[in-house]
Protein backbone atom coordinates (compact mmCIF):
# COMPACT_ATOMS: atom_id res chain seq x y z
CA MET A 1 -15.23 -9.62 -15.98
CA ALA A 2 -13.86 -9.67 -12.76
CA THR A 3 -11.79 -5.74 -11.78
CA LEU A 4 -8.58 -5.83 -11.22
CA GLU A 5 -8.79 -2.48 -8.88
CA THR A 6 -7.53 -1.95 -5.54
CA THR A 7 -6.88 0.39 -3.04
CA PHE A 8 -3.71 1.11 -1.82
CA ALA A 9 -2.72 3.63 1.21
CA GLY A 10 -5.41 5.38 0.60
CA LEU A 11 -4.80 5.71 -3.32
CA LYS A 12 -7.54 4.08 -5.79
CA LEU A 13 -5.08 2.27 -8.23
CA LYS A 14 -6.92 0.75 -11.18
CA ASN A 15 -5.02 -2.74 -10.77
CA PRO A 16 -2.39 -3.65 -7.70
CA ILE A 17 1.11 -2.89 -10.12
CA ILE A 18 2.95 -0.67 -9.02
CA VAL A 19 6.30 0.59 -10.50
CA SER A 20 9.20 1.19 -7.95
CA SER A 21 11.46 3.24 -7.30
CA SER A 22 14.39 3.20 -9.47
CA GLY A 23 15.99 4.44 -13.03
CA LEU A 24 13.29 3.41 -14.80
CA THR A 25 10.75 6.45 -12.72
CA ASP A 26 13.75 9.25 -12.81
CA LYS A 27 12.20 11.20 -16.04
CA ALA A 28 8.84 12.23 -16.73
CA ASN A 29 9.10 10.71 -20.27
CA LYS A 30 9.89 7.07 -18.81
CA ASN A 31 6.85 7.48 -16.23
CA GLN A 32 4.91 8.14 -19.35
CA LYS A 33 5.63 4.85 -20.82
CA LEU A 34 5.25 3.03 -17.91
CA CYS A 35 1.38 4.82 -17.00
CA GLN A 36 0.78 3.88 -20.97
CA ALA A 37 1.96 0.13 -20.58
CA GLY A 38 -0.99 0.03 -18.00
CA ALA A 39 0.98 0.48 -14.38
CA GLY A 40 -1.15 1.11 -11.68
CA ALA A 41 0.89 3.62 -9.95
CA ILE A 42 4.58 4.76 -9.45
CA VAL A 43 6.97 5.45 -7.35
CA LEU A 44 9.56 8.49 -8.55
CA LYS A 45 13.33 7.37 -8.41
CA SER A 46 14.25 8.53 -4.15
CA LEU A 47 15.66 11.24 -3.07
CA PHE A 48 18.42 10.12 -1.28
CA GLU A 49 19.48 12.20 1.64
CA GLU A 50 23.43 9.95 1.88
CA GLN A 51 23.91 10.71 -2.01
CA ILE A 52 22.92 14.81 -0.64
CA MET A 53 25.43 14.58 1.65
CA MET A 54 27.82 12.62 0.02
CA GLU A 55 28.38 15.09 -2.65
CA ALA A 56 28.02 17.98 -0.46
CA GLU A 57 31.47 16.68 0.85
CA HIS A 58 32.74 15.38 -2.36
CA LEU A 59 33.20 19.02 -3.71
CA SER A 60 33.71 20.95 -0.40
CA ASP A 61 37.25 21.64 0.08
CA VAL A 62 39.21 21.07 3.53
CA ASN A 63 40.22 24.48 3.74
CA MET A 64 36.91 25.86 3.53
CA TYR A 65 35.87 27.71 6.47
CA PRO A 66 32.55 26.01 8.33
CA GLU A 67 30.23 28.86 6.75
CA GLY A 68 31.50 28.19 2.95
CA SER A 69 30.99 24.02 3.54
CA GLU A 70 27.20 24.75 5.32
CA TYR A 71 27.04 27.18 1.99
CA LEU A 72 27.48 24.58 -0.55
CA ALA A 73 25.71 21.79 1.55
CA ALA A 74 23.11 23.61 1.50
CA TYR A 75 23.14 24.90 -2.32
CA ILE A 76 23.41 21.91 -3.26
CA ARG A 77 20.71 20.22 -1.10
CA GLU A 78 18.36 23.21 -2.94
CA HIS A 79 19.59 22.36 -6.69
CA LYS A 80 18.95 18.18 -5.86
CA LEU A 81 15.50 19.27 -4.70
CA SER A 82 14.40 22.01 -6.80
CA GLU A 83 15.59 18.53 -9.84
CA TYR A 84 13.39 16.13 -7.30
CA LEU A 85 9.97 19.12 -7.68
CA ASP A 86 9.99 18.77 -11.27
CA LEU A 87 10.42 15.68 -12.02
CA ILE A 88 7.21 15.58 -9.28
CA ARG A 89 5.36 18.14 -12.01
CA GLU A 90 6.30 17.56 -15.02
CA SER A 91 5.43 13.19 -14.18
CA LYS A 92 1.71 14.66 -13.19
CA LYS A 93 1.57 16.45 -16.31
CA VAL A 94 1.81 12.99 -18.08
CA CYS A 95 0.60 10.77 -15.48
CA ASP A 96 -3.09 10.19 -15.07
CA ILE A 97 -2.62 7.31 -12.72
CA PRO A 98 -1.24 8.08 -9.00
CA ILE A 99 2.22 9.65 -8.83
CA ILE A 100 4.12 8.71 -5.79
CA ALA A 101 7.43 10.81 -4.40
CA SER A 102 9.76 8.80 -2.66
CA ILE A 103 13.17 9.75 -0.33
CA ASN A 104 15.62 7.49 1.23
CA CYS A 105 17.01 8.82 4.36
CA TYR A 106 18.47 7.81 8.13
CA HIS A 107 18.29 11.06 10.01
CA ASP A 108 15.56 12.68 11.51
CA ALA A 109 16.92 16.12 10.21
CA GLY A 110 15.77 19.04 9.02
CA TRP A 111 15.08 18.57 5.18
CA VAL A 112 12.47 15.88 5.66
CA ASP A 113 10.95 19.38 5.93
CA PHE A 114 11.32 19.31 2.19
CA ALA A 115 8.05 16.30 2.23
CA LYS A 116 5.74 19.79 2.28
CA SER A 117 7.33 20.81 -0.81
CA ILE A 118 6.55 17.19 -2.32
CA GLU A 119 3.29 17.11 -1.56
CA GLU A 120 2.76 20.75 -2.87
CA ALA A 121 4.27 19.93 -6.31
CA GLY A 122 1.41 17.43 -6.79
CA ALA A 123 2.66 14.00 -5.53
CA ASP A 124 -0.43 11.70 -4.41
CA ALA A 125 1.63 10.02 -1.85
CA LEU A 126 5.24 10.11 -0.17
CA GLU A 127 7.08 7.04 -0.10
CA VAL A 128 9.63 6.91 2.78
CA ASN A 129 12.55 4.65 3.06
CA ILE A 130 14.52 4.37 6.24
CA LEU A 131 17.52 1.61 5.56
CA ALA A 132 20.72 1.00 6.88
CA LEU A 133 22.80 -1.50 8.63
CA GLN A 134 22.98 -1.64 12.43
CA ALA A 135 26.45 -2.57 13.18
CA ASP A 136 27.44 -0.34 15.60
CA ILE A 137 29.31 -2.05 18.86
CA GLN A 138 27.36 0.35 20.98
CA TYR A 139 23.74 -0.12 19.53
CA THR A 140 21.11 0.63 21.73
CA TYR A 141 18.44 -1.90 21.29
CA GLY A 142 14.98 -0.59 20.16
CA SER A 143 16.53 2.79 18.54
CA PHE A 144 16.67 1.59 15.29
CA GLU A 145 12.79 0.40 14.84
CA GLN A 146 12.24 4.23 16.64
CA ARG A 147 14.43 6.55 14.24
CA HIS A 148 11.71 5.00 11.31
CA VAL A 149 8.61 6.09 14.23
CA ASP A 150 10.36 9.65 14.57
CA ILE A 151 10.69 10.58 10.87
CA LEU A 152 7.31 9.30 10.15
CA ARG A 153 6.25 11.50 13.37
CA HIS A 154 8.14 14.37 11.46
CA ILE A 155 6.26 13.82 8.19
CA LYS A 156 3.51 13.83 9.40
CA ASN A 157 3.35 16.84 10.96
CA THR A 158 4.20 19.01 7.71
CA VAL A 159 1.58 16.71 5.00
CA ARG A 160 -1.88 15.89 4.29
CA ILE A 161 -0.88 12.89 1.73
CA PRO A 162 -0.35 9.10 2.45
CA VAL A 163 2.44 8.47 3.68
CA ILE A 164 3.69 4.62 2.97
CA MET A 165 6.64 3.63 4.77
CA LYS A 166 9.04 1.42 3.38
CA LEU A 167 11.11 -0.91 5.55
CA GLY A 168 14.09 -3.18 4.98
CA ASP A 169 14.25 -7.44 6.39
CA ASN A 170 16.60 -6.05 8.80
CA LEU A 171 14.34 -5.99 11.70
CA THR A 172 13.84 -8.41 14.35
CA ASN A 173 10.21 -8.40 15.03
CA PRO A 174 7.93 -6.30 11.92
CA VAL A 175 4.72 -6.62 13.27
CA ALA A 176 5.60 -4.50 16.30
CA LEU A 177 7.11 -1.81 14.21
CA ILE A 178 4.81 -1.76 11.71
CA GLU A 179 1.73 -1.92 15.06
CA GLN A 180 3.97 1.81 15.78
CA LEU A 181 3.98 3.00 12.22
CA TYR A 182 0.08 2.81 12.18
CA ALA A 183 -0.38 3.82 15.43
CA ASN A 184 1.69 6.83 13.88
CA GLY A 185 -0.04 7.42 11.00
CA ALA A 186 1.06 6.00 8.32
CA ALA A 187 -1.32 4.69 4.85
CA GLY A 188 0.97 1.93 4.38
CA VAL A 189 3.78 -0.36 4.52
CA VAL A 190 6.13 -2.05 1.08
CA LEU A 191 8.03 -5.19 2.53
CA PHE A 192 10.39 -5.30 1.19
CA ASN A 193 13.46 -2.97 0.72
CA ARG A 194 15.82 -4.17 -1.20
CA PHE A 195 19.96 -3.65 0.24
CA TYR A 196 22.62 -3.07 -2.21
CA GLN A 197 24.76 -6.44 -2.14
CA PRO A 198 28.31 -6.93 -1.91
CA ASP A 199 29.98 -9.36 -3.00
CA ILE A 200 34.24 -10.28 -3.36
CA ASP A 201 36.28 -10.72 -6.02
CA ILE A 202 38.75 -13.70 -5.03
CA ASP A 203 40.72 -12.92 -8.41
CA LYS A 204 41.60 -9.55 -7.60
CA MET A 205 40.92 -9.88 -3.34
CA THR A 206 39.19 -6.51 -3.79
CA GLN A 207 34.61 -5.64 -2.88
CA SER A 208 32.33 -6.02 -5.52
CA VAL A 209 29.30 -5.37 -6.45
CA GLY A 210 26.89 -8.33 -5.97
CA SER A 211 23.22 -9.23 -8.15
CA VAL A 212 21.64 -5.78 -8.86
CA PHE A 213 18.72 -7.56 -9.14
CA SER A 214 15.93 -9.32 -7.11
CA SER A 215 15.14 -13.12 -7.93
CA ASP A 216 11.64 -14.78 -7.65
CA THR A 217 12.61 -16.70 -4.75
CA ASP A 218 12.92 -12.93 -2.67
CA LEU A 219 8.93 -12.78 -2.77
CA SER A 220 9.04 -15.35 -0.10
CA LYS A 221 10.29 -13.26 2.85
CA SER A 222 7.62 -10.26 1.23
CA LEU A 223 5.17 -13.82 1.28
CA ARG A 224 5.80 -14.50 5.21
CA TRP A 225 5.92 -10.88 6.75
CA ILE A 226 3.36 -9.61 4.42
CA GLY A 227 0.90 -12.68 5.37
CA ILE A 228 2.27 -12.44 9.45
CA ALA A 229 1.38 -8.97 9.63
CA SER A 230 -1.87 -7.99 7.64
CA ALA A 231 -3.65 -10.13 10.52
CA ALA A 232 -2.26 -8.54 13.43
CA VAL A 233 -2.54 -5.01 11.99
CA SER A 234 -5.78 -5.88 9.69
CA LYS A 235 -6.47 -1.91 9.40
CA LEU A 236 -3.06 -0.82 7.54
CA ASP A 237 -2.68 -1.60 3.60
CA PHE A 238 0.55 -3.14 2.32
CA ALA A 239 2.19 -3.66 -0.71
CA ALA A 240 4.67 -6.49 -1.27
CA SER A 241 8.46 -5.67 -3.62
CA GLY A 242 10.78 -7.70 -4.30
CA GLY A 243 11.42 -11.14 -5.76
CA VAL A 244 7.55 -10.39 -8.13
CA HIS A 245 9.00 -12.19 -11.54
CA THR A 246 6.43 -13.91 -12.79
CA PRO A 247 2.29 -13.20 -13.14
CA GLU A 248 1.76 -15.75 -10.48
CA GLY A 249 3.50 -13.72 -7.48
CA VAL A 250 1.21 -10.96 -8.09
CA VAL A 251 -1.45 -13.57 -7.01
CA LYS A 252 0.60 -14.94 -4.18
CA ALA A 253 1.53 -11.34 -2.67
CA LEU A 254 -2.62 -10.53 -2.97
CA LEU A 255 -3.83 -13.64 -1.28
CA ALA A 256 -0.66 -13.26 1.87
CA GLY A 257 -2.35 -10.07 2.15
CA ALA A 258 -0.91 -7.34 -0.03
CA SER A 259 -3.22 -4.61 -1.80
CA ALA A 260 -0.07 -3.96 -4.40
CA VAL A 261 2.79 -5.56 -5.46
CA GLU A 262 5.80 -3.58 -6.52
CA ILE A 263 7.77 -4.85 -9.19
CA CYS A 264 11.39 -3.52 -11.05
CA SER A 265 13.73 -5.71 -11.94
CA ALA A 266 11.18 -7.78 -13.74
CA ILE A 267 10.75 -4.69 -16.27
CA TYR A 268 14.59 -3.83 -16.33
CA GLN A 269 15.13 -7.42 -16.94
CA SER A 270 12.54 -8.44 -19.79
CA SER A 271 10.54 -4.81 -20.32
CA SER A 272 7.58 -2.76 -19.65
CA ALA A 273 4.96 -5.56 -21.63
CA VAL A 274 5.37 -7.33 -18.22
CA ILE A 275 2.74 -5.00 -16.50
CA ALA A 276 0.35 -5.52 -19.12
CA GLU A 277 1.15 -9.63 -18.75
CA TYR A 278 0.53 -9.62 -15.41
CA ALA A 279 -2.67 -7.89 -15.23
CA ARG A 280 -3.97 -10.00 -17.90
CA PHE A 281 -2.82 -13.09 -16.18
CA LEU A 282 -4.48 -11.66 -13.15
CA ASP A 283 -7.44 -11.18 -14.52
CA MET A 284 -8.13 -14.06 -16.44
CA TRP A 285 -7.06 -16.15 -12.40
CA MET A 286 -10.01 -14.32 -10.59
CA THR A 287 -12.24 -15.69 -13.40
CA THR A 288 -11.48 -18.45 -13.06
CA LYS A 289 -11.72 -18.72 -9.77
CA GLY A 290 -15.33 -16.97 -9.88
CA PHE A 291 -13.80 -13.48 -7.46
CA GLU A 292 -15.30 -10.67 -9.41
CA ASN A 293 -12.88 -7.97 -6.69
CA ILE A 294 -9.20 -8.34 -5.37
CA ALA A 295 -11.50 -7.85 -2.07
CA GLN A 296 -12.91 -11.42 -2.18
CA PHE A 297 -9.39 -13.05 -2.04
CA ARG A 298 -7.16 -10.73 -0.44
CA GLY A 299 -5.19 -11.91 2.59
CA LYS A 300 -7.27 -15.66 2.16
CA LEU A 301 -4.50 -16.84 2.92
CA ASN A 302 -2.81 -14.44 5.87
CA VAL A 303 -2.19 -16.02 9.12
CA ARG A 304 -5.35 -15.38 11.21
CA ASP A 305 -4.46 -17.05 14.56
CA VAL A 306 -1.06 -15.00 15.31
CA GLU A 307 -0.71 -16.02 18.73
CA GLY A 308 -0.31 -19.82 17.81
CA VAL A 309 1.93 -22.01 15.44
CA ASN A 310 1.05 -20.91 11.48
CA THR A 311 2.32 -22.00 7.56
CA PHE A 312 4.41 -18.65 7.65
CA GLU A 313 6.84 -19.90 10.91
CA ARG A 314 8.13 -22.71 12.29
CA THR A 315 5.44 -25.43 10.65
CA GLN A 316 7.39 -24.83 6.92
CA PHE A 317 10.53 -25.58 8.51
CA LEU A 318 9.17 -28.89 9.67
CA LYS A 319 7.02 -29.83 6.67
CA TYR A 320 9.99 -29.17 4.75
CA PHE A 321 12.55 -31.07 6.44
CA SER A 322 9.86 -33.75 6.97
CA SER A 323 9.84 -34.61 3.17
CA HIS A 324 12.79 -34.89 2.50
CA GLU A 325 14.62 -37.88 4.11
């Protein structure tokens, strides 16, 4: 019988299926059920820097003294952080799998020092999301990527637990950034974070929200860049996120070079039962192919020659159009 155990970012997982940060993981009792459903690890709902700042701004009074505004912002910040630490502690009590905390930030600000409190609360690792669009006309090339490195360094100076960087797909060269993240102590990288999807209502002529959930076609982005990056930065662990809507998607991600996958939309759209379904399929597929463990086939289809043309780059474009005359 095949073993589904894997290692991601220094964490030992009983299987490669991680429940990603979302409303699914914002309560300890929810996390207990996900654990019982067979998850290999759980990423807690993110603590959003932007949310904390917006709430403080919303409650502040324009007539308030600057000292008062600062006090209010500090109070809200500490209250949110306290709630988050409780979530970590309570989830650890009822789950016997790795619990990964998550922060979503876009500034290398002092509040990132909260990572130390996250570690002390018992989190097994910390996932950092730096999700922002760069649309400033005065933008300096490379500054967004450098922000990732600066925040990682700041956090690594604070904690000993593994730090995982979850990247957006709006990077010119993810491989170059991933190499820098590895050099500065990142234990793993997740590709990719999901942006808010905007839409436009043409009847009301207003902005509206687009699709909330990912689709299986989103997986191709992760497969491409994990396939390329896992060959170029081979000592770093990768996880695929976005588009894993079938058990076959798990196998594809592992073949591309991932050590694990993060799933969310599939659970929302079906139920946590998909976790066991995906694990059973992986076990059956491995047995059929004669693999005893994931290490035997992980990265089997990644890009070995990153110097030349490869199947994750232009050749697929050429093959696609040559078959559609």
